């Protein structure tokens, strides 16, 4: 997602409030993120293009895989001179112990 004007203002205000944060400080910072990827479909969000009056026509219906049919967690981190490997956690679900041990 691109930075909005609000994001930019917030980041500038943060920098102005913390002038003591130098490059030396930022070299110690690690940013990480994770996301869940659905293995089947897109978690039931579907876009349907149909003509007026076709709402219940069979060609507009699709068999649905129920939510919870499988997903994978992807995790990675970056730092000043560091990039972690991409960590993939396939099913079964992620528990706190598994997260701690594998990530």
Protein backbone atom coordinates (compact mmCIF):
# COMPACT_ATOMS: atom_id res chain seq x y z
CA UNK A 1 0.00 0.00 0.00
CA UNK A 2 1.48 3.39 -0.94
CA UNK A 3 2.09 5.98 1.77
CA UNK A 4 -0.70 8.50 2.13
CA UNK A 5 -0.18 12.15 3.01
CA UNK A 6 -1.25 11.29 6.57
CA UNK A 7 1.42 8.56 6.80
CA UNK A 8 4.09 10.97 5.62
CA UNK A 9 3.07 13.65 8.12
CA UNK A 10 3.04 11.12 10.98
CA UNK A 11 6.51 9.85 10.09
CA UNK A 12 7.93 13.34 9.84
CA UNK A 13 6.42 14.25 13.23
CA UNK A 14 7.96 11.11 14.74
CA UNK A 15 11.39 12.04 13.35
CA UNK A 16 11.10 15.58 14.69
CA UNK A 17 10.10 14.32 18.16
CA UNK A 18 13.07 11.91 18.28
CA UNK A 19 16.12 13.78 16.94
CA UNK A 20 18.37 11.56 19.09
CA UNK A 21 17.64 8.60 16.77
CA UNK A 22 20.69 8.49 14.53
CA UNK A 23 21.74 6.02 11.90
CA UNK A 24 23.65 4.23 14.65
CA UNK A 25 20.33 3.68 16.49
CA UNK A 26 18.46 2.58 13.37
CA UNK A 27 21.10 -0.05 12.61
CA UNK A 28 19.78 -1.93 15.66
CA UNK A 29 16.16 -1.94 14.47
CA UNK A 30 14.52 -4.95 12.86
CA UNK A 31 11.21 -4.71 11.01
CA UNK A 32 9.20 -7.90 10.58
CA UNK A 33 5.82 -8.78 9.17
CA UNK A 34 3.71 -11.78 8.49
CA UNK A 35 0.68 -12.57 6.42
CA UNK A 36 -1.71 -15.45 6.04
CA UNK A 37 -2.23 -16.75 2.53
CA UNK A 38 -5.31 -18.79 1.74
CA UNK A 39 -4.41 -21.98 -0.11
CA UNK A 40 -7.84 -22.33 -1.71
CA UNK A 41 -9.54 -19.25 -3.04
CA UNK A 42 -9.56 -15.84 -1.51
CA UNK A 43 -11.45 -16.25 1.76
CA UNK A 44 -14.86 -15.98 0.15
CA UNK A 45 -14.47 -12.52 -1.35
CA UNK A 46 -15.76 -12.88 -4.87
CA UNK A 47 -16.42 -10.34 -7.59
CA UNK A 48 -19.33 -11.18 -9.89
CA UNK A 49 -20.10 -9.29 -13.08
CA UNK A 50 -23.64 -9.91 -14.27
CA UNK A 51 -26.24 -8.18 -16.36
CA UNK A 52 -29.39 -6.67 -14.90
CA UNK A 53 -31.93 -9.38 -14.03
CA UNK A 54 -29.30 -12.19 -13.86
CA UNK A 55 -28.89 -12.26 -10.07
CA UNK A 56 -30.07 -15.86 -9.58
CA UNK A 57 -29.04 -17.36 -12.92
CA UNK A 58 -27.07 -20.62 -12.41
CA UNK A 59 -24.10 -19.48 -14.51
CA UNK A 60 -23.48 -16.82 -11.86
CA UNK A 61 -23.21 -19.40 -9.06
CA UNK A 62 -20.00 -21.03 -7.97
CA UNK A 63 -19.28 -23.90 -5.62
CA UNK A 64 -17.68 -22.50 -2.53
CA UNK A 65 -14.86 -23.97 -0.46
CA UNK A 66 -15.63 -23.22 3.19
CA UNK A 67 -13.36 -20.89 5.13
CA UNK A 68 -10.69 -22.77 7.02
CA UNK A 69 -9.86 -25.07 4.12
CA UNK A 70 -6.18 -24.29 4.41
CA UNK A 71 -3.79 -21.42 4.75
CA UNK A 72 -0.11 -20.76 5.15
CA UNK A 73 1.73 -18.16 7.21
CA UNK A 74 4.58 -16.25 5.53
CA UNK A 75 7.05 -14.28 7.66
CA UNK A 76 10.13 -12.18 6.93
CA UNK A 77 12.23 -9.42 8.50
CA UNK A 78 14.64 -6.70 7.39
CA UNK A 79 17.21 -4.59 9.17
CA UNK A 80 19.93 -2.12 8.24
CA UNK A 81 22.28 -4.73 6.74
CA UNK A 82 20.07 -7.78 7.11
CA UNK A 83 17.31 -9.60 5.31
CA UNK A 84 15.86 -12.75 6.84
CA UNK A 85 14.96 -15.75 4.77
CA UNK A 86 11.28 -16.05 3.91
CA UNK A 87 9.73 -18.42 6.44
CA UNK A 88 6.72 -20.45 5.27
CA UNK A 89 4.58 -22.23 7.85
CA UNK A 90 2.25 -24.64 6.05
CA UNK A 91 -0.74 -26.31 7.75
CA UNK A 92 -1.56 -27.48 10.35
CA UNK A 93 -2.33 -24.22 12.14
CA UNK A 94 0.22 -22.10 13.91
CA UNK A 95 0.43 -22.42 17.67
CA UNK A 96 2.50 -20.17 19.93
CA UNK A 97 5.04 -22.97 20.38
CA UNK A 98 5.32 -23.60 16.65
CA UNK A 99 5.65 -19.88 15.96
CA UNK A 100 8.44 -19.58 18.54
CA UNK A 101 10.30 -22.66 17.29
CA UNK A 102 9.99 -22.12 13.54
CA UNK A 103 10.14 -18.35 13.23
